[in-house]
Amino acid sequence: MSTQIQSMQKQLDQLRQEANIQRLPVSKAIEELIGYMNQHSPNDGLVVGVAQSENPFRDQKGCIIL
């Protein structure tokens, strides 16, 4: 019975903590995300691409001995 009370107390504490979180309207969050993406897109390798000389995953040209 004591473990059940402790479990319920933990759950209650978690719910109280979640209820006190500051919420942000979705429209405001989207505006902030778009601003962040526009600000950081010049440095994003997925948007701009990565130079072959800096690409660690480029095909390695090895020595082939026949």
PDB file of N, CA and C in Angstrom:
ATOM      1  N   MET A   1       0.822  -1.182   0.000  1.00  0.00           N
ATOM      2  CA  MET A   1       0.000   0.000   0.000  1.00  0.00           C
ATOM      3  C   MET A   1       0.873   1.256   0.000  1.00  0.00           C
ATOM      4  N   SER A   2       1.979   1.220   0.713  1.00  0.00           N
ATOM      5  CA  SER A   2       2.873   2.372   0.811  1.00  0.00           C
ATOM      6  C   SER A   2       3.502   2.700  -0.549  1.00  0.00           C
ATOM      7  N   THR A   3       3.854   1.670  -1.313  1.00  0.00           N
ATOM      8  CA  THR A   3       4.447   1.915  -2.626  1.00  0.00           C
ATOM      9  C   THR A   3       3.430   2.552  -3.571  1.00  0.00           C
ATOM     10  N   GLN A   4       2.174   2.180  -3.417  1.00  0.00           N
ATOM     11  CA  GLN A   4       1.133   2.767  -4.254  1.00  0.00           C
ATOM     12  C   GLN A   4       0.972   4.259  -3.920  1.00  0.00           C
ATOM     13  N   ILE A   5       1.036   4.600  -2.643  1.00  0.00           N
ATOM     14  CA  ILE A   5       0.934   6.002  -2.226  1.00  0.00           C
ATOM     15  C   ILE A   5       2.122   6.794  -2.748  1.00  0.00           C
ATOM     16  N   GLN A   6       3.323   6.216  -2.675  1.00  0.00           N
ATOM     17  CA  GLN A   6       4.519   6.886  -3.177  1.00  0.00           C
ATOM     18  C   GLN A   6       4.429   7.083  -4.689  1.00  0.00           C
ATOM     19  N   SER A   7       3.924   6.079  -5.371  1.00  0.00           N
ATOM     20  CA  SER A   7       3.771   6.168  -6.818  1.00  0.00           C
ATOM     21  C   SER A   7       2.790   7.271  -7.190  1.00  0.00           C
ATOM     22  N   MET A   8       1.690   7.343  -6.484  1.00  0.00           N
ATOM     23  CA  MET A   8       0.695   8.376  -6.753  1.00  0.00           C
ATOM     24  C   MET A   8       1.232   9.767  -6.403  1.00  0.00           C
ATOM     25  N   GLN A   9       2.063   9.849  -5.356  1.00  0.00           N
ATOM     26  CA  GLN A   9       2.663  11.118  -4.973  1.00  0.00           C
ATOM     27  C   GLN A   9       3.623  11.607  -6.057  1.00  0.00           C
ATOM     28  N   LYS A  10       4.417  10.688  -6.627  1.00  0.00           N
ATOM     29  CA  LYS A  10       5.322  11.047  -7.710  1.00  0.00           C
ATOM     30  C   LYS A  10       4.537  11.530  -8.927  1.00  0.00           C
ATOM     31  N   GLN A  11       3.446  10.834  -9.221  1.00  0.00           N
ATOM     32  CA  GLN A  11       2.606  11.215 -10.350  1.00  0.00           C
ATOM     33  C   GLN A  11       1.988  12.598 -10.120  1.00  0.00           C
ATOM     34  N   LEU A  12       1.538  12.863  -8.912  1.00  0.00           N
ATOM     35  CA  LEU A  12       0.964  14.161  -8.569  1.00  0.00           C
ATOM     36  C   LEU A  12       2.012  15.267  -8.687  1.00  0.00           C
ATOM     37  N   ASP A  13       3.213  15.008  -8.207  1.00  0.00           N
ATOM     38  CA  ASP A  13       4.301  15.985  -8.320  1.00  0.00           C
ATOM     39  C   ASP A  13       4.602  16.286  -9.788  1.00  0.00           C
ATOM     40  N   GLN A  14       4.623  15.229 -10.614  1.00  0.00           N
ATOM     41  CA  GLN A  14       4.884  15.409 -12.045  1.00  0.00           C
ATOM     42  C   GLN A  14       3.786  16.249 -12.691  1.00  0.00           C
ATOM     43  N   LEU A  15       2.543  15.982 -12.366  1.00  0.00           N
ATOM     44  CA  LEU A  15       1.429  16.747 -12.932  1.00  0.00           C
ATOM     45  C   LEU A  15       1.484  18.213 -12.498  1.00  0.00           C
ATOM     46  N   ARG A  16       1.846  18.456 -11.241  1.00  0.00           N
ATOM     47  CA  ARG A  16       1.976  19.836 -10.770  1.00  0.00           C
ATOM     48  C   ARG A  16       3.087  20.565 -11.517  1.00  0.00           C
ATOM     49  N   GLN A  17       4.192  19.870 -11.731  1.00  0.00           N
ATOM     50  CA  GLN A  17       5.324  20.465 -12.439  1.00  0.00           C
ATOM     51  C   GLN A  17       4.922  20.789 -13.880  1.00  0.00           C
ATOM     52  N   GLU A  18       4.216  19.892 -14.535  1.00  0.00           N
ATOM     53  CA  GLU A  18       3.790  20.129 -15.913  1.00  0.00           C
ATOM     54  C   GLU A  18       2.765  21.249 -15.994  1.00  0.00           C
ATOM     55  N   ALA A  19       1.925  21.396 -14.976  1.00  0.00           N
ATOM     56  CA  ALA A  19       0.914  22.447 -14.976  1.00  0.00           C
ATOM     57  C   ALA A  19       1.547  23.830 -14.835  1.00  0.00           C
ATOM     58  N   ASN A  20       2.737  23.913 -14.249  1.00  0.00           N
ATOM     59  CA  ASN A  20       3.399  25.200 -14.031  1.00  0.00           C
ATOM     60  C   ASN A  20       4.296  25.630 -15.192  1.00  0.00           C
ATOM     61  N   ILE A  21       4.388  24.822 -16.239  1.00  0.00           N
ATOM     62  CA  ILE A  21       5.234  25.154 -17.382  1.00  0.00           C
ATOM     63  C   ILE A  21       4.595  26.298 -18.156  1.00  0.00           C
ATOM     64  N   GLN A  22       5.415  27.293 -18.513  1.00  0.00           N
ATOM     65  CA  GLN A  22       4.938  28.407 -19.318  1.00  0.00           C
ATOM     66  C   GLN A  22       4.647  27.913 -20.733  1.00  0.00           C
ATOM     67  N   ARG A  23       3.438  28.128 -21.194  1.00  0.00           N
ATOM     68  CA  ARG A  23       3.033  27.711 -22.533  1.00  0.00           C
ATOM     69  C   ARG A  23       3.205  28.871 -23.504  1.00  0.00           C
ATOM     70  N   LEU A  24       3.442  28.535 -24.758  1.00  0.00           N
ATOM     71  CA  LEU A  24       3.642  29.514 -25.805  1.00  0.00           C
ATOM     72  C   LEU A  24       2.625  29.227 -26.906  1.00  0.00           C
ATOM     73  N   PRO A  25       1.938  30.241 -27.419  1.00  0.00           N
ATOM     74  CA  PRO A  25       1.007  29.983 -28.520  1.00  0.00           C
ATOM     75  C   PRO A  25       1.746  29.406 -29.728  1.00  0.00           C
ATOM     76  N   VAL A  26       1.089  28.526 -30.451  1.00  0.00           N
ATOM     77  CA  VAL A  26       1.713  27.860 -31.587  1.00  0.00           C
ATOM     78  C   VAL A  26       2.164  28.886 -32.626  1.00  0.00           C
ATOM     79  N   SER A  27       1.357  29.904 -32.861  1.00  0.00           N
ATOM     80  CA  SER A  27       1.720  30.910 -33.860  1.00  0.00           C
ATOM     81  C   SER A  27       3.032  31.607 -33.495  1.00  0.00           C
ATOM     82  N   LYS A  28       3.224  31.908 -32.221  1.00  0.00           N
ATOM     83  CA  LYS A  28       4.453  32.547 -31.748  1.00  0.00           C
ATOM     84  C   LYS A  28       5.642  31.591 -31.879  1.00  0.00           C
ATOM     85  N   ALA A  29       5.423  30.324 -31.537  1.00  0.00           N
ATOM     86  CA  ALA A  29       6.496  29.325 -31.643  1.00  0.00           C
ATOM     87  C   ALA A  29       6.919  29.139 -33.096  1.00  0.00           C
ATOM     88  N   ILE A  30       5.938  29.135 -34.013  1.00  0.00           N
ATOM     89  CA  ILE A  30       6.260  28.977 -35.430  1.00  0.00           C
ATOM     90  C   ILE A  30       7.060  30.166 -35.932  1.00  0.00           C
ATOM     91  N   GLU A  31       6.672  31.373 -35.526  1.00  0.00           N
ATOM     92  CA  GLU A  31       7.427  32.564 -35.932  1.00  0.00           C
ATOM     93  C   GLU A  31       8.872  32.483 -35.458  1.00  0.00           C
ATOM     94  N   GLU A  32       9.070  32.036 -34.235  1.00  0.00           N
ATOM     95  CA  GLU A  32      10.433  31.916 -33.703  1.00  0.00           C
ATOM     96  C   GLU A  32      11.225  30.849 -34.451  1.00  0.00           C
ATOM     97  N   LEU A  33      10.582  29.724 -34.779  1.00  0.00           N
ATOM     98  CA  LEU A  33      11.268  28.666 -35.526  1.00  0.00           C
ATOM     99  C   LEU A  33      11.667  29.135 -36.920  1.00  0.00           C
ATOM    100  N   ILE A  34      10.761  29.826 -37.602  1.00  0.00           N
ATOM    101  CA  ILE A  34      11.074  30.325 -38.939  1.00  0.00           C
ATOM    102  C   ILE A  34      12.216  31.328 -38.873  1.00  0.00           C
ATOM    103  N   GLY A  35      12.193  32.214 -37.895  1.00  0.00           N
ATOM    104  CA  GLY A  35      13.286  33.174 -37.735  1.00  0.00           C
ATOM    105  C   GLY A  35      14.612  32.484 -37.470  1.00  0.00           C
ATOM    106  N   TYR A  36      14.607  31.462 -36.625  1.00  0.00           N
ATOM    107  CA  TYR A  36      15.830  30.717 -36.316  1.00  0.00           C
ATOM    108  C   TYR A  36      16.361  30.024 -37.569  1.00  0.00           C
ATOM    109  N   MET A  37      15.455  29.392 -38.313  1.00  0.00           N
ATOM    110  CA  MET A  37      15.887  28.674 -39.516  1.00  0.00           C
ATOM    111  C   MET A  37      16.440  29.636 -40.567  1.00  0.00           C
ATOM    112  N   ASN A  38      15.777  30.781 -40.748  1.00  0.00           N
ATOM    113  CA  ASN A  38      16.277  31.761 -41.717  1.00  0.00           C
ATOM    114  C   ASN A  38      17.626  32.326 -41.298  1.00  0.00           C
ATOM    115  N   GLN A  39      17.819  32.510 -40.014  1.00  0.00           N
ATOM    116  CA  GLN A  39      19.075  33.059 -39.511  1.00  0.00           C
ATOM    117  C   GLN A  39      20.223  32.057 -39.655  1.00  0.00           C
ATOM    118  N   HIS A  40      19.960  30.769 -39.485  1.00  0.00           N
ATOM    119  CA  HIS A  40      21.020  29.767 -39.495  1.00  0.00           C
ATOM    120  C   HIS A  40      21.134  28.990 -40.807  1.00  0.00           C
ATOM    121  N   SER A  41      20.273  29.260 -41.778  1.00  0.00           N
ATOM    122  CA  SER A  41      20.317  28.493 -43.026  1.00  0.00           C
ATOM    123  C   SER A  41      21.613  28.672 -43.825  1.00  0.00           C
ATOM    124  N   PRO A  42      22.286  29.839 -43.799  1.00  0.00           N
ATOM    125  CA  PRO A  42      23.549  29.935 -44.558  1.00  0.00           C
ATOM    126  C   PRO A  42      24.635  28.975 -44.073  1.00  0.00           C
ATOM    127  N   ASN A  43      24.552  28.522 -42.834  1.00  0.00           N
ATOM    128  CA  ASN A  43      25.569  27.617 -42.291  1.00  0.00           C
ATOM    129  C   ASN A  43      25.098  26.166 -42.242  1.00  0.00           C
ATOM    130  N   ASP A  44      23.897  25.894 -42.767  1.00  0.00           N
ATOM    131  CA  ASP A  44      23.324  24.551 -42.690  1.00  0.00           C
ATOM    132  C   ASP A  44      23.798  23.728 -43.881  1.00  0.00           C
ATOM    133  N   GLY A  45      24.488  22.653 -43.608  1.00  0.00           N
ATOM    134  CA  GLY A  45      25.013  21.796 -44.665  1.00  0.00           C
ATOM    135  C   GLY A  45      23.936  21.113 -45.483  1.00  0.00           C
ATOM    136  N   LEU A  46      22.766  20.899 -44.917  1.00  0.00           N
ATOM    137  CA  LEU A  46      21.686  20.267 -45.664  1.00  0.00           C
ATOM    138  C   LEU A  46      21.034  21.240 -46.644  1.00  0.00           C
ATOM    139  N   VAL A  47      21.103  22.530 -46.365  1.00  0.00           N
ATOM    140  CA  VAL A  47      20.504  23.535 -47.234  1.00  0.00           C
ATOM    141  C   VAL A  47      21.511  23.978 -48.290  1.00  0.00           C
ATOM    142  N   VAL A  48      22.710  24.320 -47.857  1.00  0.00           N
ATOM    143  CA  VAL A  48      23.717  24.887 -48.741  1.00  0.00           C
ATOM    144  C   VAL A  48      24.561  23.803 -49.417  1.00  0.00           C
ATOM    145  N   GLY A  49      24.807  22.741 -48.723  1.00  0.00           N
ATOM    146  CA  GLY A  49      25.699  21.696 -49.216  1.00  0.00           C
ATOM    147  C   GLY A  49      27.052  21.801 -48.536  1.00  0.00           C
ATOM    148  N   VAL A  50      27.835  20.769 -48.664  1.00  0.00           N
ATOM    149  CA  VAL A  50      29.147  20.717 -48.027  1.00  0.00           C
ATOM    150  C   VAL A  50      30.201  20.615 -49.121  1.00  0.00           C
ATOM    151  N   ALA A  51      31.255  21.387 -48.996  1.00  0.00           N
ATOM    152  CA  ALA A  51      32.351  21.336 -49.973  1.00  0.00           C
ATOM    153  C   ALA A  51      32.982  19.951 -49.964  1.00  0.00           C
ATOM    154  N   GLN A  52      33.346  19.473 -51.144  1.00  0.00           N
ATOM    155  CA  GLN A  52      33.947  18.136 -51.248  1.00  0.00           C
ATOM    156  C   GLN A  52      35.204  18.020 -50.395  1.00  0.00           C
ATOM    157  N   SER A  53      35.981  19.092 -50.302  1.00  0.00           N
ATOM    158  CA  SER A  53      37.225  19.030 -49.541  1.00  0.00           C
ATOM    159  C   SER A  53      36.969  18.902 -48.042  1.00  0.00           C
ATOM    160  N   GLU A  54      35.785  19.350 -47.579  1.00  0.00           N
ATOM    161  CA  GLU A  54      35.466  19.292 -46.152  1.00  0.00           C
ATOM    162  C   GLU A  54      34.560  18.123 -45.785  1.00  0.00           C
ATOM    163  N   ASN A  55      34.117  17.372 -46.770  1.00  0.00           N
ATOM    164  CA  ASN A  55      33.171  16.287 -46.534  1.00  0.00           C
ATOM    165  C   ASN A  55      33.897  15.053 -45.999  1.00  0.00           C
ATOM    166  N   PRO A  56      33.642  14.668 -44.739  1.00  0.00           N
ATOM    167  CA  PRO A  56      34.321  13.498 -44.183  1.00  0.00           C
ATOM    168  C   PRO A  56      33.787  12.181 -44.749  1.00  0.00           C
ATOM    169  N   PHE A  57      32.665  12.209 -45.473  1.00  0.00           N
ATOM    170  CA  PHE A  57      32.054  10.981 -45.991  1.00  0.00           C
ATOM    171  C   PHE A  57      32.276  10.807 -47.493  1.00  0.00           C
ATOM    172  N   ARG A  58      33.153  11.607 -48.088  1.00  0.00           N
ATOM    173  CA  ARG A  58      33.408  11.480 -49.515  1.00  0.00           C
ATOM    174  C   ARG A  58      34.093  10.145 -49.791  1.00  0.00           C
ATOM    175  N   ASP A  59      33.988   9.705 -51.036  1.00  0.00           N
ATOM    176  CA  ASP A  59      34.618   8.446 -51.412  1.00  0.00           C
ATOM    177  C   ASP A  59      36.138   8.584 -51.342  1.00  0.00           C
ATOM    178  N   GLN A  60      36.749   7.688 -50.651  1.00  0.00           N
ATOM    179  CA  GLN A  60      38.201   7.701 -50.531  1.00  0.00           C
ATOM    180  C   GLN A  60      38.806   7.008 -51.756  1.00  0.00           C
ATOM    181  N   LYS A  61      39.758   7.680 -52.362  1.00  0.00           N
ATOM    182  CA  LYS A  61      40.434   7.080 -53.517  1.00  0.00           C
ATOM    183  C   LYS A  61      41.654   6.345 -52.985  1.00  0.00           C
ATOM    184  N   GLY A  62      41.565   5.043 -53.043  1.00  0.00           N
ATOM    185  CA  GLY A  62      42.651   4.240 -52.525  1.00  0.00           C
ATOM    186  C   GLY A  62      43.573   3.751 -53.617  1.00  0.00           C
ATOM    187  N   CYS A  63      44.609   3.132 -53.228  1.00  0.00           N
ATOM    188  CA  CYS A  63      45.589   2.579 -54.134  1.00  0.00           C
ATOM    189  C   CYS A  63      45.139   1.172 -54.544  1.00  0.00           C
ATOM    190  N   ILE A  64      45.026   0.950 -55.843  1.00  0.00           N
ATOM    191  CA  ILE A  64      44.617  -0.363 -56.317  1.00  0.00           C
ATOM    192  C   ILE A  64      45.821  -1.011 -56.999  1.00  0.00           C
ATOM    193  N   ILE A  65      46.196  -2.168 -56.473  1.00  0.00           N
ATOM    194  CA  ILE A  65      47.336  -2.903 -57.046  1.00  0.00           C
ATOM    195  C   ILE A  65      46.793  -4.152 -57.707  1.00  0.00           C
ATOM    196  N   LEU A  66      47.101  -4.284 -58.988  1.00  0.00           N
ATOM    197  CA  LEU A  66      46.629  -5.465 -59.731  1.00  0.00           C
ATOM    198  C   LEU A  66      47.699  -6.470 -59.885  1.00  0.00           C
TER     199      LEU A  66
END
